Amino acid sequence: MQGKKKALGRGLSAILESPETDITSRDISGEYVVGAIAHLPVENIEPNPFQPRTRFNEEELAELTLSIQAQGIIQPITVRKMGYDKYQLISGERRLKAARLAGLSEIPTFIRVANDEQMLELALVENIQRAELNPLEIAISFQRLLEECNLKQEELSQKVGKDRSTVANYIRLLKLPTEIQVAIRDGKISMGHARALITIDDIKTQIIILHRIFEKKLSVRQVEDIVRGLIPGRPITTRKESVILPPKFEQVRENLKKQLNARVDVKLHAKGDGTIIIPFRSDEEFDRIVEKFGGSQ
């Protein structure tokens, strides 16, 4: 008997010994065997609290809803049984949302057993494989797996099928300032842009370059060139881009613009010298600017 008990394996042992799930070889209702595909009422399926995905494209969701109305659901969602007629979503949240929008009362479902650690892992891996998470969501999910499941990066990389260096690069995104994280989340900059910005120690400089990416639509290569040229007290240049001023020069330029109510350009040269240029459009504007400096004709 002892030998047979050991032969049950970890999967069946988890089913028999789990105090948090009500699973037998058959569903309490007598209809569904664990592991079977069944049509469950959508109202009996609660959201996955470990879902790493936080944003859904409304247009794509609407398209999926129309497809479901016309063709039904081709691929079942995955749930775990929590009790009598109570299930918790593991993966397939977009399909479940679309099914509700389509007015379906039931949805094809794959029933399995999973503990909380497996819930988080399964939801993450399923979404990564479908390329449905943005880089920031992946980074947050990786961090949760490390902290909540007590994994090492090497173990995590094996579970999600990513190189350890790739996992590390995603997690480093969480060290960026909020404004840059939002830009990643919203798709305004790519993972490549973010990786270049990570190498800069000064947050103000990171933000300045972020805004320049928006204004000039800089490529990843251009941002990498800017970062390579970043030396304290000297300008940041690319082969195609104009000088990006260090933070203190940007602040002085902005202060002068406000005080003079005029355009002010500050240019730095490679040797550390530079010029301050105040253009004017007319004699009247020239006189007004000179007066600000206390000058006279």
Protein backbone atom coordinates (compact mmCIF):
# COMPACT_ATOMS: atom_id res chain seq x y z
CA MET A 1 0.00 0.00 0.00
CA GLN A 2 2.83 2.34 0.79
CA GLY A 3 4.38 1.69 -2.58
CA LYS A 4 1.11 2.39 -4.33
CA LYS A 5 0.65 5.60 -2.40
CA LYS A 6 4.04 6.86 -3.56
CA ALA A 7 3.17 5.89 -7.10
CA LEU A 8 0.26 8.30 -7.09
CA GLY A 9 2.65 11.11 -7.97
CA ARG A 10 2.70 14.78 -7.05
CA GLY A 11 -0.32 15.69 -9.20
CA LEU A 12 -2.81 13.31 -7.61
CA SER A 13 -1.34 13.90 -4.16
CA ALA A 14 -1.96 17.61 -4.60
CA ILE A 15 -5.60 16.89 -5.46
CA LEU A 16 -6.17 14.62 -2.49
CA GLU A 17 -4.29 16.73 0.05
CA SER A 18 -5.31 20.26 -0.97
CA PRO A 19 -7.50 21.88 1.72
CA GLU A 20 -8.43 24.82 -0.52
CA THR A 21 -10.13 22.99 -3.37
CA ASP A 22 -13.08 20.64 -3.44
CA ILE A 23 -11.98 18.14 -6.06
CA THR A 24 -12.77 14.45 -6.44
CA SER A 25 -12.67 12.20 -9.45
CA ARG A 26 -15.98 13.81 -10.36
CA ASP A 27 -17.45 17.24 -9.90
CA ILE A 28 -19.77 17.69 -6.89
CA SER A 29 -22.65 17.90 -9.36
CA GLY A 30 -21.58 14.52 -10.73
CA GLU A 31 -21.07 15.84 -14.25
CA TYR A 32 -17.49 16.93 -14.77
CA VAL A 33 -14.27 15.04 -14.22
CA VAL A 34 -11.27 17.22 -13.41
CA GLY A 35 -9.27 17.71 -16.59
CA ALA A 36 -12.32 17.40 -18.84
CA ILE A 37 -13.66 20.08 -21.14
CA ALA A 38 -17.09 21.25 -20.05
CA HIS A 39 -19.52 24.05 -20.83
CA LEU A 40 -19.78 26.10 -17.63
CA PRO A 41 -22.09 29.04 -16.87
CA VAL A 42 -20.07 32.24 -17.24
CA GLU A 43 -21.66 33.55 -14.04
CA ASN A 44 -19.97 30.74 -12.09
CA ILE A 45 -16.46 31.80 -13.14
CA GLU A 46 -14.71 34.43 -11.03
CA PRO A 47 -11.73 36.50 -12.26
CA ASN A 48 -8.14 35.40 -11.73
CA PRO A 49 -6.72 37.56 -8.88
CA PHE A 50 -3.23 36.81 -10.20
CA GLN A 51 -3.93 38.01 -13.75
CA PRO A 52 -0.82 39.95 -14.82
CA ARG A 53 -2.57 41.64 -17.71
CA THR A 54 -4.15 44.97 -16.72
CA ARG A 55 -5.17 46.57 -20.03
CA PHE A 56 -7.23 45.23 -22.93
CA ASN A 57 -7.48 46.72 -26.40
CA GLU A 58 -11.14 47.71 -26.72
CA GLU A 59 -11.15 47.44 -30.53
CA GLU A 60 -9.65 43.94 -30.47
CA LEU A 61 -12.09 42.94 -27.73
CA ALA A 62 -15.01 44.17 -29.87
CA GLU A 63 -13.70 42.20 -32.86
CA LEU A 64 -13.39 39.05 -30.76
CA THR A 65 -16.93 39.57 -29.47
CA LEU A 66 -18.29 39.72 -33.03
CA SER A 67 -16.29 36.61 -33.95
CA ILE A 68 -17.68 34.73 -30.96
CA GLN A 69 -21.22 35.77 -31.84
CA ALA A 70 -20.71 34.40 -35.36
CA GLN A 71 -18.47 31.36 -34.79
CA GLY A 72 -18.60 30.62 -31.07
CA ILE A 73 -15.47 30.04 -28.96
CA ILE A 74 -12.93 27.83 -30.68
CA GLN A 75 -10.42 27.47 -27.83
CA PRO A 76 -11.70 26.74 -24.29
CA ILE A 77 -10.60 28.85 -21.35
CA THR A 78 -8.89 27.24 -18.34
CA VAL A 79 -10.28 27.32 -14.79
CA ARG A 80 -9.73 25.65 -11.43
CA LYS A 81 -12.61 24.38 -9.32
CA MET A 82 -13.07 26.20 -5.99
CA GLY A 83 -16.20 24.53 -4.68
CA TYR A 84 -19.78 23.69 -5.61
CA ASP A 85 -20.48 25.39 -8.97
CA LYS A 86 -17.65 27.81 -8.28
CA TYR A 87 -14.63 28.17 -10.56
CA GLN A 88 -11.70 30.59 -10.83
CA LEU A 89 -10.17 31.65 -14.13
CA ILE A 90 -6.59 30.56 -14.81
CA SER A 91 -6.20 31.78 -18.39
CA GLY A 92 -8.41 33.13 -21.15
CA GLU A 93 -9.67 36.37 -19.58
CA ARG A 94 -10.06 38.11 -22.94
CA ARG A 95 -12.19 35.24 -24.26
CA LEU A 96 -14.29 35.29 -21.07
CA LYS A 97 -14.82 39.06 -21.33
CA ALA A 98 -15.80 38.76 -24.98
CA ALA A 99 -18.14 35.85 -24.22
CA ARG A 100 -19.96 38.00 -21.65
CA LEU A 101 -20.16 40.89 -24.13
CA ALA A 102 -21.50 38.48 -26.75
CA GLY A 103 -24.26 37.46 -24.34
CA LEU A 104 -23.19 33.84 -23.95
CA SER A 105 -24.54 32.06 -20.88
CA GLU A 106 -22.01 29.21 -21.09
CA ILE A 107 -18.41 28.88 -22.21
CA PRO A 108 -16.26 25.84 -23.09
CA THR A 109 -13.83 25.29 -20.25
CA PHE A 110 -10.83 23.14 -19.41
CA ILE A 111 -10.99 22.26 -15.70
CA ARG A 112 -7.80 21.65 -13.77
CA VAL A 113 -6.29 21.87 -10.30
CA ALA A 114 -3.78 24.56 -9.36
CA ASN A 115 -2.58 26.23 -6.20
CA ASP A 116 -2.01 29.99 -5.99
CA GLU A 117 1.60 29.76 -7.11
CA GLN A 118 0.58 27.72 -10.13
CA MET A 119 -2.24 30.19 -10.86
CA LEU A 120 0.18 33.08 -11.16
CA GLU A 121 2.68 31.05 -13.15
CA LEU A 122 0.11 29.63 -15.55
CA ALA A 123 -1.56 32.98 -16.22
CA LEU A 124 1.80 34.62 -16.86
CA VAL A 125 3.21 31.93 -19.10
CA GLU A 126 -0.03 31.61 -21.09
CA ASN A 127 -0.15 35.33 -21.80
CA ILE A 128 3.56 35.63 -22.62
CA GLN A 129 3.25 32.81 -25.14
CA ARG A 130 0.43 34.73 -26.79
CA ALA A 131 2.47 37.96 -26.79
CA GLU A 132 -0.43 39.71 -25.04
CA LEU A 133 1.50 41.44 -22.27
CA ASN A 134 3.36 44.70 -22.73
CA PRO A 135 6.99 44.83 -21.45
CA LEU A 136 6.00 46.55 -18.20
CA GLU A 137 3.33 43.93 -17.41
CA ILE A 138 5.88 41.19 -18.08
CA ALA A 139 8.36 42.91 -15.76
CA ILE A 140 5.78 43.21 -12.97
CA SER A 141 4.78 39.58 -13.42
CA PHE A 142 8.39 38.37 -13.33
CA GLN A 143 8.96 40.35 -10.14
CA ARG A 144 5.84 38.85 -8.53
CA LEU A 145 6.99 35.34 -9.39
CA LEU A 146 10.39 36.03 -7.82
CA GLU A 147 8.90 37.50 -4.65
CA GLU A 148 5.70 35.52 -4.16
CA CYS A 149 6.92 32.14 -5.36
CA ASN A 150 10.43 32.48 -3.90
CA LEU A 151 12.09 31.74 -7.21
CA LYS A 152 15.60 32.60 -8.31
CA GLN A 153 16.11 34.25 -11.68
CA GLU A 154 17.61 31.05 -13.09
CA GLU A 155 14.54 29.06 -12.03
CA LEU A 156 12.22 31.75 -13.39
CA SER A 157 13.99 31.81 -16.74
CA GLN A 158 13.48 28.05 -17.07
CA LYS A 159 9.79 28.27 -16.17
CA VAL A 160 8.98 31.01 -18.69
CA GLY A 161 11.37 29.83 -21.41
CA LYS A 162 13.47 33.02 -21.45
CA ASP A 163 17.21 33.55 -21.10
CA ARG A 164 18.29 34.73 -17.67
CA SER A 165 19.62 37.96 -19.19
CA THR A 166 16.23 38.60 -20.80
CA VAL A 167 14.47 38.12 -17.47
CA ALA A 168 16.95 40.50 -15.81
CA ASN A 169 16.40 43.15 -18.50
CA TYR A 170 12.64 43.05 -17.97
CA ILE A 171 12.94 43.36 -14.19
CA ARG A 172 15.29 46.34 -14.55
CA LEU A 173 12.43 48.27 -16.20
CA LEU A 174 10.86 48.60 -12.76
CA LYS A 175 13.78 50.80 -11.67
CA LEU A 176 12.87 53.47 -14.25
CA PRO A 177 10.92 56.57 -13.15
CA THR A 178 7.13 56.44 -13.36
CA GLU A 179 6.89 58.67 -16.45
CA ILE A 180 9.06 56.30 -18.44
CA GLN A 181 7.22 53.23 -17.15
CA VAL A 182 3.94 54.77 -18.33
CA ALA A 183 5.48 55.42 -21.77
CA ILE A 184 6.47 51.74 -21.96
CA ARG A 185 3.02 50.61 -20.84
CA ASP A 186 1.28 52.81 -23.41
CA GLY A 187 3.57 51.71 -26.24
CA LYS A 188 5.09 55.17 -26.76
CA ILE A 189 8.61 53.77 -26.47
CA SER A 190 9.95 50.30 -27.11
CA MET A 191 11.83 47.87 -24.92
CA GLY A 192 15.00 48.93 -26.77
CA HIS A 193 14.45 52.60 -25.90
CA ALA A 194 13.88 51.67 -22.27
CA ARG A 195 17.02 49.52 -22.07
CA ALA A 196 19.08 52.46 -23.32
CA LEU A 197 17.53 54.83 -20.76
CA ILE A 198 18.19 52.39 -17.90
CA THR A 199 21.94 52.90 -18.28
CA ILE A 200 21.62 56.60 -17.33
CA ASP A 201 21.99 57.27 -13.60
CA ASP A 202 20.40 60.75 -13.55
CA ILE A 203 16.57 60.72 -13.58
CA LYS A 204 16.28 64.26 -14.98
CA THR A 205 18.48 63.33 -17.92
CA GLN A 206 16.39 60.22 -18.52
CA ILE A 207 13.22 62.35 -18.70
CA ILE A 208 14.86 64.92 -21.00
CA ILE A 209 15.85 62.18 -23.43
CA LEU A 210 12.38 60.61 -23.15
CA HIS A 211 10.80 63.89 -24.26
CA ARG A 212 13.29 64.16 -27.10
CA ILE A 213 12.27 60.66 -28.24
CA PHE A 214 8.66 61.90 -28.40
CA GLU A 215 9.53 65.16 -30.19
CA LYS A 216 12.01 63.78 -32.71
CA LYS A 217 10.70 60.21 -33.01
CA LEU A 218 14.20 58.91 -32.24
CA SER A 219 15.07 55.34 -33.11
CA VAL A 220 16.61 52.97 -30.60
CA ARG A 221 19.98 53.36 -32.35
CA GLN A 222 19.82 57.14 -32.03
CA VAL A 223 19.02 56.93 -28.32
CA GLU A 224 21.90 54.50 -27.81
CA ASP A 225 24.22 56.99 -29.53
CA ILE A 226 22.97 59.77 -27.25
CA VAL A 227 23.58 57.69 -24.15
CA ARG A 228 27.09 56.73 -25.29
CA GLY A 229 27.90 60.43 -25.69
CA LEU A 230 26.64 61.35 -22.23
CA ILE A 231 29.58 62.80 -20.26
CA PRO A 232 29.07 65.04 -17.18
CA GLY A 233 29.31 68.69 -18.20
CA ARG A 234 29.35 67.93 -21.91
CA PRO A 235 26.64 67.74 -24.58
CA ILE A 236 24.92 64.56 -25.71
CA THR A 237 24.96 64.23 -29.50
CA THR A 238 24.11 61.75 -32.21
CA ARG A 239 25.18 61.73 -35.81
CA LYS A 240 21.78 63.07 -36.85
CA GLU A 241 20.49 64.87 -33.78
CA SER A 242 21.19 68.30 -32.28
CA VAL A 243 22.69 68.79 -28.83
CA ILE A 244 20.72 67.67 -25.80
CA LEU A 245 21.62 69.91 -22.89
CA PRO A 246 22.41 68.60 -19.41
CA PRO A 247 19.64 69.34 -16.88
CA LYS A 248 21.22 72.46 -15.32
CA PHE A 249 21.60 74.13 -18.76
CA GLU A 250 18.01 73.27 -19.67
CA GLN A 251 16.82 74.91 -16.44
CA VAL A 252 18.84 78.13 -17.04
CA ARG A 253 17.53 78.36 -20.61
CA GLU A 254 13.94 77.98 -19.43
CA ASN A 255 14.45 80.64 -16.73
CA LEU A 256 15.90 83.11 -19.25
CA LYS A 257 13.01 82.50 -21.67
CA LYS A 258 10.52 83.39 -18.93
CA GLN A 259 12.43 86.44 -17.68
CA LEU A 260 13.02 87.89 -21.15
CA ASN A 261 9.78 86.68 -22.72
CA ALA A 262 11.85 85.73 -25.75
CA ARG A 263 13.35 82.71 -27.41
CA VAL A 264 16.68 81.62 -25.95
CA ASP A 265 19.08 79.06 -27.44
CA VAL A 266 21.98 77.56 -25.49
CA LYS A 267 24.62 75.67 -27.45
CA LEU A 268 27.44 73.61 -25.99
CA HIS A 269 30.58 72.52 -27.79
CA ALA A 270 32.67 69.39 -27.37
CA LYS A 271 35.42 71.26 -25.49
CA GLY A 272 32.95 72.46 -22.85
CA ASP A 273 32.53 76.07 -24.10
CA GLY A 274 29.31 77.36 -25.64
CA THR A 275 27.06 80.25 -26.57
CA ILE A 276 23.77 81.80 -25.45
CA ILE A 277 21.74 83.13 -28.38
CA ILE A 278 18.73 85.43 -28.04
CA PRO A 279 17.14 86.00 -31.47
CA PHE A 280 14.85 89.01 -32.11
CA ARG A 281 12.41 89.78 -34.92
CA SER A 282 12.29 93.57 -34.90
CA ASP A 283 13.86 96.74 -33.54
CA GLU A 284 11.10 96.95 -30.97
CA GLU A 285 11.78 93.44 -29.69
CA PHE A 286 15.52 94.18 -29.57
CA ASP A 287 14.92 97.31 -27.48
CA ARG A 288 12.63 95.41 -25.13
CA ILE A 289 15.20 92.64 -24.57
CA VAL A 290 18.04 95.12 -24.03
CA GLU A 291 15.93 96.98 -21.50
CA LYS A 292 15.51 93.74 -19.54
CA PHE A 293 19.29 93.65 -19.12
CA GLY A 294 19.31 97.25 -17.90
CA GLY A 295 20.85 98.49 -21.14
CA SER A 296 20.07 101.74 -22.93
CA GLN A 297 20.40 103.19 -26.40
